[in-house]
Amino acid sequence: MLNILLQAAGQSPLGGFLPLVLLLLVMYFFFFRPQMKRQKEERKFREEALQKGMKIVTNSGIHGKILEINEDTLVIESENSRLRLDRTAISKELSAMYLPKEEKKEKDKK
């Protein structure tokens, strides 16, 4: 397959661009497309899934629990301090695999 591509590249002036086009396609499907999908999921999470009492992680790595949700901001509690954050600062929900054992048991009971 590679030999055919190299021969085609040598025979026509447009064939020299074929490896570049293939490289761009590979980069799109393995790098850009998954990143865009991840960003879309994060945006959807921020806009629709945030709820009071949910444990979250911010983009800067702060773990906290949502106490109050407003239109553009929310208040979280972390280590007995309250922080007011913009919705865009929220990265993801704190999944059960990161919770301490006691909190896992409480979550399973619910």
N, C-alpha and C. Protein backbone atom coordinates (compact mmCIF):
# COMPACT_ATOMS: atom_id res chain seq x y z
N MET A 1 0.83 -1.19 0.00
CA MET A 1 0.00 0.00 0.00
C MET A 1 0.88 1.25 0.00
N LEU A 2 1.89 1.25 0.85
CA LEU A 2 2.79 2.40 0.94
C LEU A 2 3.56 2.59 -0.36
N ASN A 3 3.96 1.47 -0.98
CA ASN A 3 4.68 1.56 -2.26
C ASN A 3 3.81 2.20 -3.33
N ILE A 4 2.55 1.85 -3.35
CA ILE A 4 1.63 2.42 -4.35
C ILE A 4 1.50 3.91 -4.13
N LEU A 5 1.39 4.33 -2.86
CA LEU A 5 1.28 5.75 -2.56
C LEU A 5 2.53 6.51 -2.96
N LEU A 6 3.68 5.91 -2.70
CA LEU A 6 4.94 6.56 -3.05
C LEU A 6 5.12 6.65 -4.57
N GLN A 7 4.70 5.62 -5.29
CA GLN A 7 4.77 5.67 -6.75
C GLN A 7 3.84 6.73 -7.31
N ALA A 8 2.63 6.83 -6.74
CA ALA A 8 1.67 7.84 -7.18
C ALA A 8 2.20 9.23 -6.88
N ALA A 9 2.90 9.37 -5.78
CA ALA A 9 3.46 10.67 -5.41
C ALA A 9 4.55 11.09 -6.39
N GLY A 10 5.29 10.14 -6.92
CA GLY A 10 6.37 10.47 -7.84
C GLY A 10 5.89 10.72 -9.26
N GLN A 11 4.73 10.21 -9.64
CA GLN A 11 4.27 10.32 -11.01
C GLN A 11 3.51 11.62 -11.29
N SER A 12 2.75 12.12 -10.35
CA SER A 12 1.97 13.33 -10.62
C SER A 12 2.34 14.42 -9.63
N PRO A 13 2.20 15.68 -10.04
CA PRO A 13 2.53 16.78 -9.13
C PRO A 13 1.60 16.83 -7.92
N LEU A 14 0.36 16.41 -8.09
CA LEU A 14 -0.58 16.41 -6.96
C LEU A 14 -0.32 15.22 -6.03
N GLY A 15 0.33 14.20 -6.52
CA GLY A 15 0.64 13.03 -5.70
C GLY A 15 1.58 13.33 -4.56
N GLY A 16 2.34 14.39 -4.68
CA GLY A 16 3.24 14.78 -3.60
C GLY A 16 2.50 15.26 -2.36
N PHE A 17 1.26 15.68 -2.57
CA PHE A 17 0.45 16.16 -1.44
C PHE A 17 -0.32 15.04 -0.75
N LEU A 18 -0.36 13.88 -1.37
CA LEU A 18 -1.11 12.76 -0.82
C LEU A 18 -0.67 12.37 0.60
N PRO A 19 0.63 12.22 0.86
CA PRO A 19 1.04 11.90 2.24
C PRO A 19 0.65 12.99 3.24
N LEU A 20 0.72 14.23 2.82
CA LEU A 20 0.32 15.34 3.70
C LEU A 20 -1.17 15.28 4.01
N VAL A 21 -1.98 14.98 3.00
CA VAL A 21 -3.43 14.87 3.19
C VAL A 21 -3.74 13.70 4.13
N LEU A 22 -3.06 12.58 3.92
CA LEU A 22 -3.27 11.43 4.80
C LEU A 22 -2.87 11.74 6.24
N LEU A 23 -1.78 12.46 6.41
CA LEU A 23 -1.35 12.85 7.75
C LEU A 23 -2.38 13.75 8.42
N LEU A 24 -2.93 14.68 7.68
CA LEU A 24 -3.96 15.57 8.24
C LEU A 24 -5.22 14.80 8.62
N LEU A 25 -5.60 13.83 7.79
CA LEU A 25 -6.77 13.00 8.12
C LEU A 25 -6.54 12.20 9.40
N VAL A 26 -5.38 11.61 9.53
CA VAL A 26 -5.06 10.83 10.74
C VAL A 26 -5.08 11.75 11.97
N MET A 27 -4.49 12.93 11.84
CA MET A 27 -4.49 13.86 12.97
C MET A 27 -5.91 14.27 13.34
N TYR A 28 -6.77 14.48 12.35
CA TYR A 28 -8.15 14.87 12.63
C TYR A 28 -8.86 13.79 13.42
N PHE A 29 -8.77 12.54 12.95
CA PHE A 29 -9.52 11.47 13.59
C PHE A 29 -8.95 11.02 14.93
N PHE A 30 -7.66 11.20 15.16
CA PHE A 30 -7.07 10.75 16.42
C PHE A 30 -6.83 11.86 17.43
N PHE A 31 -6.79 13.13 17.01
CA PHE A 31 -6.51 14.22 17.94
C PHE A 31 -7.64 15.24 18.03
N PHE A 32 -8.01 15.82 16.91
CA PHE A 32 -8.96 16.93 16.95
C PHE A 32 -10.39 16.49 17.23
N ARG A 33 -10.84 15.44 16.59
CA ARG A 33 -12.22 14.99 16.78
C ARG A 33 -12.50 14.55 18.22
N PRO A 34 -11.65 13.73 18.85
CA PRO A 34 -11.92 13.36 20.25
C PRO A 34 -11.90 14.57 21.19
N GLN A 35 -11.01 15.53 20.93
CA GLN A 35 -10.95 16.73 21.78
C GLN A 35 -12.22 17.54 21.65
N MET A 36 -12.74 17.69 20.44
CA MET A 36 -13.98 18.44 20.24
C MET A 36 -15.15 17.73 20.93
N LYS A 37 -15.16 16.41 20.88
CA LYS A 37 -16.21 15.64 21.53
C LYS A 37 -16.16 15.84 23.05
N ARG A 38 -14.95 15.81 23.61
CA ARG A 38 -14.77 16.01 25.05
C ARG A 38 -15.25 17.41 25.47
N GLN A 39 -14.91 18.42 24.68
CA GLN A 39 -15.33 19.78 24.99
C GLN A 39 -16.85 19.91 24.92
N LYS A 40 -17.48 19.25 23.95
CA LYS A 40 -18.93 19.29 23.82
C LYS A 40 -19.59 18.65 25.04
N GLU A 41 -19.06 17.53 25.50
CA GLU A 41 -19.61 16.86 26.69
C GLU A 41 -19.47 17.73 27.93
N GLU A 42 -18.32 18.39 28.10
CA GLU A 42 -18.11 19.27 29.25
C GLU A 42 -19.08 20.44 29.22
N ARG A 43 -19.28 21.03 28.05
CA ARG A 43 -20.20 22.16 27.92
C ARG A 43 -21.63 21.74 28.27
N LYS A 44 -22.03 20.56 27.78
CA LYS A 44 -23.37 20.04 28.07
C LYS A 44 -23.52 19.79 29.57
N PHE A 45 -22.47 19.24 30.20
CA PHE A 45 -22.50 18.99 31.64
C PHE A 45 -22.68 20.29 32.41
N ARG A 46 -21.92 21.33 32.04
CA ARG A 46 -22.01 22.61 32.75
C ARG A 46 -23.38 23.25 32.60
N GLU A 47 -23.99 23.12 31.44
CA GLU A 47 -25.26 23.79 31.17
C GLU A 47 -26.46 23.04 31.72
N GLU A 48 -26.42 21.71 31.75
CA GLU A 48 -27.62 20.95 32.07
C GLU A 48 -27.53 20.07 33.31
N ALA A 49 -26.39 19.53 33.62
CA ALA A 49 -26.32 18.47 34.63
C ALA A 49 -25.99 18.96 36.04
N LEU A 50 -25.56 20.19 36.21
CA LEU A 50 -25.18 20.66 37.55
C LEU A 50 -26.39 20.73 38.46
N GLN A 51 -26.24 20.17 39.66
CA GLN A 51 -27.31 20.16 40.65
C GLN A 51 -26.74 20.48 42.02
N LYS A 52 -27.60 21.02 42.86
CA LYS A 52 -27.21 21.32 44.24
C LYS A 52 -26.86 20.01 44.95
N GLY A 53 -25.75 20.01 45.70
CA GLY A 53 -25.31 18.82 46.43
C GLY A 53 -24.34 17.95 45.66
N MET A 54 -24.14 18.21 44.39
CA MET A 54 -23.24 17.42 43.55
C MET A 54 -21.78 17.73 43.91
N LYS A 55 -20.95 16.72 43.91
CA LYS A 55 -19.52 16.91 44.17
C LYS A 55 -18.83 17.07 42.82
N ILE A 56 -18.03 18.14 42.71
CA ILE A 56 -17.43 18.49 41.43
C ILE A 56 -15.94 18.79 41.59
N VAL A 57 -15.26 18.90 40.44
CA VAL A 57 -13.86 19.30 40.38
C VAL A 57 -13.79 20.49 39.43
N THR A 58 -13.07 21.54 39.83
CA THR A 58 -12.92 22.70 38.96
C THR A 58 -11.73 22.50 38.02
N ASN A 59 -11.60 23.39 37.05
CA ASN A 59 -10.48 23.32 36.11
C ASN A 59 -9.14 23.47 36.81
N SER A 60 -9.13 24.18 37.94
CA SER A 60 -7.88 24.37 38.68
C SER A 60 -7.62 23.26 39.69
N GLY A 61 -8.51 22.27 39.76
CA GLY A 61 -8.28 21.11 40.61
C GLY A 61 -8.90 21.20 41.98
N ILE A 62 -9.74 22.18 42.24
CA ILE A 62 -10.40 22.30 43.55
C ILE A 62 -11.59 21.34 43.59
N HIS A 63 -11.64 20.53 44.63
CA HIS A 63 -12.75 19.60 44.82
C HIS A 63 -13.74 20.26 45.77
N GLY A 64 -15.01 20.17 45.47
CA GLY A 64 -16.00 20.78 46.34
C GLY A 64 -17.39 20.26 46.09
N LYS A 65 -18.31 20.73 46.93
CA LYS A 65 -19.71 20.35 46.86
C LYS A 65 -20.53 21.59 46.53
N ILE A 66 -21.45 21.49 45.58
CA ILE A 66 -22.25 22.64 45.17
C ILE A 66 -23.28 22.96 46.24
N LEU A 67 -23.27 24.21 46.72
CA LEU A 67 -24.23 24.66 47.71
C LEU A 67 -25.35 25.49 47.09
N GLU A 68 -25.02 26.25 46.06
CA GLU A 68 -25.98 27.18 45.48
C GLU A 68 -25.67 27.33 43.99
N ILE A 69 -26.73 27.37 43.17
CA ILE A 69 -26.55 27.53 41.73
C ILE A 69 -27.33 28.74 41.27
N ASN A 70 -26.64 29.66 40.59
CA ASN A 70 -27.27 30.82 39.97
C ASN A 70 -27.17 30.67 38.46
N GLU A 71 -27.59 31.69 37.73
CA GLU A 71 -27.58 31.61 36.27
C GLU A 71 -26.16 31.44 35.72
N ASP A 72 -25.23 32.28 36.14
CA ASP A 72 -23.86 32.23 35.61
C ASP A 72 -22.83 31.76 36.61
N THR A 73 -23.16 31.74 37.88
CA THR A 73 -22.20 31.38 38.92
C THR A 73 -22.76 30.28 39.81
N LEU A 74 -21.89 29.73 40.63
CA LEU A 74 -22.33 28.79 41.66
C LEU A 74 -21.41 28.91 42.86
N VAL A 75 -21.91 28.49 43.99
CA VAL A 75 -21.15 28.53 45.24
C VAL A 75 -20.83 27.09 45.63
N ILE A 76 -19.55 26.84 45.88
CA ILE A 76 -19.15 25.51 46.32
C ILE A 76 -18.51 25.61 47.69
N GLU A 77 -18.55 24.49 48.41
CA GLU A 77 -17.90 24.40 49.71
C GLU A 77 -16.75 23.42 49.58
N SER A 78 -15.58 23.86 50.02
CA SER A 78 -14.40 23.02 49.97
C SER A 78 -13.57 23.26 51.22
N GLU A 79 -13.36 22.21 52.01
CA GLU A 79 -12.57 22.32 53.23
C GLU A 79 -13.06 23.47 54.12
N ASN A 80 -14.36 23.49 54.37
CA ASN A 80 -15.00 24.49 55.24
C ASN A 80 -14.84 25.92 54.74
N SER A 81 -14.62 26.12 53.47
CA SER A 81 -14.62 27.47 52.90
C SER A 81 -15.57 27.48 51.71
N ARG A 82 -16.15 28.63 51.48
CA ARG A 82 -17.09 28.78 50.38
C ARG A 82 -16.46 29.61 49.28
N LEU A 83 -16.64 29.16 48.06
CA LEU A 83 -16.09 29.85 46.91
C LEU A 83 -17.20 30.11 45.90
N ARG A 84 -17.22 31.31 45.33
CA ARG A 84 -18.15 31.62 44.25
C ARG A 84 -17.37 31.50 42.95
N LEU A 85 -17.85 30.63 42.07
CA LEU A 85 -17.16 30.34 40.81
C LEU A 85 -18.08 30.55 39.63
N ASP A 86 -17.48 30.86 38.51
CA ASP A 86 -18.21 30.93 37.25
C ASP A 86 -18.48 29.50 36.79
N ARG A 87 -19.58 29.28 36.10
CA ARG A 87 -19.91 27.94 35.62
C ARG A 87 -18.83 27.35 34.72
N THR A 88 -18.16 28.22 33.97
CA THR A 88 -17.13 27.73 33.05
C THR A 88 -15.91 27.18 33.77
N ALA A 89 -15.79 27.41 35.08
CA ALA A 89 -14.66 26.90 35.85
C ALA A 89 -14.85 25.45 36.26
N ILE A 90 -16.04 24.90 36.04
CA ILE A 90 -16.32 23.52 36.44
C ILE A 90 -15.83 22.58 35.35
N SER A 91 -15.07 21.58 35.77
CA SER A 91 -14.52 20.63 34.81
C SER A 91 -15.37 19.37 34.72
N LYS A 92 -15.61 18.73 35.85
CA LYS A 92 -16.34 17.46 35.82
C LYS A 92 -16.91 17.14 37.18
N GLU A 93 -17.77 16.14 37.20
CA GLU A 93 -18.32 15.64 38.46
C GLU A 93 -17.29 14.71 39.08
N LEU A 94 -17.19 14.76 40.38
CA LEU A 94 -16.28 13.88 41.09
C LEU A 94 -16.87 12.48 41.06
N SER A 95 -16.24 11.58 40.34
CA SER A 95 -16.80 10.24 40.16
C SER A 95 -16.63 9.41 41.43
N ALA A 96 -17.37 8.35 41.50
CA ALA A 96 -17.38 7.49 42.69
C ALA A 96 -16.02 6.85 42.94
N MET A 97 -15.20 6.69 41.91
CA MET A 97 -13.91 6.03 42.13
C MET A 97 -12.94 6.89 42.93
N TYR A 98 -13.20 8.21 43.01
CA TYR A 98 -12.33 9.09 43.77
C TYR A 98 -12.85 9.38 45.18
N LEU A 99 -14.06 8.93 45.48
CA LEU A 99 -14.64 9.21 46.78
C LEU A 99 -14.04 8.30 47.86
N PRO A 100 -13.93 8.80 49.09
CA PRO A 100 -13.49 7.93 50.19
C PRO A 100 -14.48 6.78 50.41
N LYS A 101 -14.05 5.73 51.09
CA LYS A 101 -14.87 4.54 51.26
C LYS A 101 -16.21 4.83 51.95
N GLU A 102 -16.21 5.75 52.95
CA GLU A 102 -17.44 6.06 53.66
C GLU A 102 -18.46 6.69 52.72
N GLU A 103 -18.00 7.58 51.84
CA GLU A 103 -18.91 8.25 50.93
C GLU A 103 -19.41 7.29 49.85
N LYS A 104 -18.60 6.30 49.46
CA LYS A 104 -19.04 5.30 48.51
C LYS A 104 -20.19 4.50 49.09
N LYS A 105 -20.06 4.12 50.38
CA LYS A 105 -21.11 3.34 51.03
C LYS A 105 -22.39 4.15 51.10
N GLU A 106 -22.29 5.46 51.43
CA GLU A 106 -23.46 6.31 51.50
C GLU A 106 -24.13 6.43 50.13
N LYS A 107 -23.34 6.57 49.09
CA LYS A 107 -23.87 6.71 47.74
C LYS A 107 -24.55 5.41 47.30
N ASP A 108 -24.00 4.26 47.68
CA ASP A 108 -24.60 2.98 47.32
C ASP A 108 -25.93 2.76 48.04
N LYS A 109 -26.07 3.28 49.25
CA LYS A 109 -27.31 3.14 50.01
C LYS A 109 -28.44 3.91 49.37
N LYS A 110 -28.11 5.04 48.72
CA LYS A 110 -29.14 5.88 48.08
C LYS A 110 -29.61 5.19 46.85
